[in-house]
C-alpha atoms as a PDB file:
ATOM      1  CA  MET A   1      17.402  18.439 -82.617  1.00  0.00           C
ATOM      2  CA  THR A   2      21.358  17.358 -83.737  1.00  0.00           C
ATOM      3  CA  GLN A   3      21.822  17.236 -87.435  1.00  0.00           C
ATOM      4  CA  ALA A   4      19.965  17.865 -90.562  1.00  0.00           C
ATOM      5  CA  ILE A   5      20.509  16.425 -94.269  1.00  0.00           C
ATOM      6  CA  VAL A   6      20.254  18.662 -97.173  1.00  0.00           C
ATOM      7  CA  ALA A   7      21.276  17.098-100.600  1.00  0.00           C
ATOM      8  CA  ASP A   8      23.751  14.784 -99.017  1.00  0.00           C
ATOM      9  CA  GLN A   9      25.350  17.308 -96.923  1.00  0.00           C
ATOM     10  CA  ILE A  10      24.876  16.630 -92.834  1.00  0.00           C
ATOM     11  CA  TYR A  11      24.521  19.901 -91.103  1.00  0.00           C
ATOM     12  CA  ALA A  12      24.699  19.241 -87.217  1.00  0.00           C
ATOM     13  CA  MET A  13      24.774  20.971 -84.105  1.00  0.00           C
ATOM     14  CA  PRO A  14      27.493  21.270 -82.775  1.00  0.00           C
ATOM     15  CA  PRO A  15      29.007  20.853 -86.630  1.00  0.00           C
ATOM     16  CA  GLN A  16      31.626  17.821 -87.009  1.00  0.00           C
ATOM     17  CA  LYS A  17      33.380  20.109 -89.789  1.00  0.00           C
ATOM     18  CA  GLY A  18      33.410  23.822 -90.552  1.00  0.00           C
ATOM     19  CA  PHE A  19      30.362  25.932 -88.753  1.00  0.00           C
ATOM     20  CA  THR A  20      27.232  26.864 -87.776  1.00  0.00           C
ATOM     21  CA  VAL A  21      25.057  29.712 -86.606  1.00  0.00           C
ATOM     22  CA  ALA A  22      22.244  29.458 -84.430  1.00  0.00           C
ATOM     23  CA  HIS A  23      19.958  32.394 -84.159  1.00  0.00           C
ATOM     24  CA  PHE A  24      17.624  32.216 -81.488  1.00  0.00           C
ATOM     25  CA  LEU A  25      14.745  33.944 -81.451  1.00  0.00           C
ATOM     26  CA  THR A  26      12.131  35.077 -78.811  1.00  0.00           C
ATOM     27  CA  VAL A  27       8.426  34.946 -80.613  1.00  0.00           C
ATOM     28  CA  ALA A  28       4.948  35.158 -79.882  1.00  0.00           C
ATOM     29  CA  ASP A  29       3.799  32.297 -82.254  1.00  0.00           C
ATOM     30  CA  ILE A  30       6.242  29.342 -82.913  1.00  0.00           C
ATOM     31  CA  GLY A  31       4.128  27.961 -85.831  1.00  0.00           C
ATOM     32  CA  ARG A  32       3.296  31.170 -87.482  1.00  0.00           C
ATOM     33  CA  SER A  33       7.065  32.380 -87.262  1.00  0.00           C
ATOM     34  CA  ALA A  34       8.072  28.979 -88.479  1.00  0.00           C
ATOM     35  CA  ARG A  35       5.878  28.921 -91.432  1.00  0.00           C
ATOM     36  CA  PHE A  36       7.268  32.730 -92.248  1.00  0.00           C
ATOM     37  CA  TYR A  37      11.166  31.533 -92.066  1.00  0.00           C
ATOM     38  CA  GLU A  38      10.048  28.881 -94.285  1.00  0.00           C
ATOM     39  CA  LYS A  39       8.084  31.143 -97.234  1.00  0.00           C
ATOM     40  CA  VAL A  40      10.524  34.125 -97.233  1.00  0.00           C
ATOM     41  CA  PHE A  41      13.487  32.394 -96.771  1.00  0.00           C
ATOM     42  CA  GLY A  42      13.049  29.397 -98.133  1.00  0.00           C
ATOM     43  CA  GLY A  43      14.047  27.338 -95.002  1.00  0.00           C
ATOM     44  CA  ARG A  44      12.880  23.810 -93.509  1.00  0.00           C
ATOM     45  CA  ILE A  45      11.015  23.643 -90.708  1.00  0.00           C
ATOM     46  CA  LEU A  46      12.721  20.869 -88.397  1.00  0.00           C
ATOM     47  CA  SER A  47      10.221  20.899 -85.551  1.00  0.00           C
ATOM     48  CA  LEU A  48       7.408  23.333 -84.219  1.00  0.00           C
ATOM     49  CA  GLY A  49       8.243  22.241 -80.588  1.00  0.00           C
ATOM     50  CA  ASP A  50       5.881  20.815 -78.366  1.00  0.00           C
ATOM     51  CA  SER A  51       3.626  21.043 -75.318  1.00  0.00           C
ATOM     52  CA  SER A  52       6.194  21.163 -72.383  1.00  0.00           C
ATOM     53  CA  GLY A  53       8.121  23.957 -74.027  1.00  0.00           C
ATOM     54  CA  ALA A  54      10.693  22.591 -76.726  1.00  0.00           C
ATOM     55  CA  PRO A  55      11.426  25.665 -79.031  1.00  0.00           C
ATOM     56  CA  GLY A  56      10.736  25.086 -82.876  1.00  0.00           C
ATOM     57  CA  TYR A  57      14.063  24.600 -85.062  1.00  0.00           C
ATOM     58  CA  ILE A  58      14.330  25.968 -88.839  1.00  0.00           C
ATOM     59  CA  GLN A  59      17.092  25.315 -91.303  1.00  0.00           C
ATOM     60  CA  ILE A  60      18.205  27.578 -93.511  1.00  0.00           C
ATOM     61  CA  ALA A  61      21.793  26.415 -95.431  1.00  0.00           C
ATOM     62  CA  ASN A  62      24.116  26.562 -92.299  1.00  0.00           C
ATOM     63  CA  THR A  63      21.951  28.796 -90.447  1.00  0.00           C
ATOM     64  CA  TRP A  64      19.925  27.471 -87.933  1.00  0.00           C
ATOM     65  CA  LEU A  65      17.048  29.583 -86.328  1.00  0.00           C
ATOM     66  CA  ILE A  66      15.827  28.134 -82.709  1.00  0.00           C
ATOM     67  CA  VAL A  67      12.524  29.994 -82.014  1.00  0.00           C
ATOM     68  CA  ASN A  68      10.974  29.833 -78.490  1.00  0.00           C
ATOM     69  CA  VAL A  69       8.105  31.927 -76.655  1.00  0.00           C
ATOM     70  CA  GLY A  70      10.645  32.835 -74.076  1.00  0.00           C
ATOM     71  CA  GLY A  71      11.495  31.816 -70.822  1.00  0.00           C
ATOM     72  CA  GLY A  72      13.048  32.266 -67.139  1.00  0.00           C
ATOM     73  CA  PRO A  73      16.455  32.799 -66.277  1.00  0.00           C
ATOM     74  CA  THR A  74      19.189  29.437 -66.973  1.00  0.00           C
ATOM     75  CA  PRO A  75      21.876  28.524 -64.485  1.00  0.00           C
ATOM     76  CA  ASP A  76      24.335  30.136 -66.239  1.00  0.00           C
ATOM     77  CA  LYS A  77      22.544  33.234 -66.516  1.00  0.00           C
ATOM     78  CA  PRO A  78      20.386  33.597 -63.609  1.00  0.00           C
ATOM     79  CA  SER A  79      19.322  37.080 -64.219  1.00  0.00           C
ATOM     80  CA  VAL A  80      18.307  37.149 -67.881  1.00  0.00           C
ATOM     81  CA  MET A  81      15.027  36.892 -68.973  1.00  0.00           C
ATOM     82  CA  LEU A  82      13.731  36.423 -72.592  1.00  0.00           C
ATOM     83  CA  ASP A  83      10.448  37.827 -73.592  1.00  0.00           C
ATOM     84  CA  VAL A  84       8.335  39.051 -76.441  1.00  0.00           C
ATOM     85  CA  PRO A  85       8.663  42.669 -77.423  1.00  0.00           C
ATOM     86  CA  GLY A  86       5.052  44.335 -76.515  1.00  0.00           C
ATOM     87  CA  ASP A  87       6.264  46.640 -79.842  1.00  0.00           C
ATOM     88  CA  PRO A  88       5.612  44.867 -83.100  1.00  0.00           C
ATOM     89  CA  ASN A  89       8.473  46.338 -84.575  1.00  0.00           C
ATOM     90  CA  LEU A  90      11.276  45.714 -82.009  1.00  0.00           C
ATOM     91  CA  VAL A  91      13.168  42.384 -81.747  1.00  0.00           C
ATOM     92  CA  SER A  92      14.511  40.197 -79.568  1.00  0.00           C
ATOM     93  CA  SER A  93      17.148  37.605 -80.265  1.00  0.00           C
ATOM     94  CA  PHE A  94      20.930  36.488 -79.848  1.00  0.00           C
ATOM     95  CA  LEU A  95      23.475  34.870 -82.122  1.00  0.00           C
ATOM     96  CA  ASN A  96      25.628  31.869 -81.346  1.00  0.00           C
ATOM     97  CA  ILE A  97      28.109  30.706 -83.902  1.00  0.00           C
ATOM     98  CA  ARG A  98      29.584  26.663 -82.966  1.00  0.00           C
ATOM     99  CA  VAL A  99      32.589  25.655 -84.930  1.00  0.00           C
ATOM    100  CA  ALA A 100      33.762  22.017 -85.362  1.00  0.00           C
ATOM    101  CA  ASP A 101      37.253  22.742 -83.816  1.00  0.00           C
ATOM    102  CA  PRO A 102      38.086  25.929 -81.922  1.00  0.00           C
ATOM    103  CA  ARG A 103      42.108  25.240 -81.627  1.00  0.00           C
ATOM    104  CA  LEU A 104      43.769  26.946 -84.087  1.00  0.00           C
ATOM    105  CA  PRO A 105      46.411  24.850 -86.594  1.00  0.00           C
END
């Protein structure tokens, strides 16, 4: 999932201009979470993931919610494990802000 078109505006990841915010959320059920963000925040479901572990994507303006059921470490962070918290009042997530060109003029 690299871009979405909303009202003649193209939102891409990484962005062509401006910035895009991506929230990475660890959830128990991708479909249920996607429908929640669609209904409560007016989000647009771009993908519900797949059986091989791809995450779900929900777009709310220039913010993308990337929801995943968790997983093991990645090569760049070999000691980090994402997992769904046992307590439903806790959240497991992180924020990533992407900009079109980080160089200052």
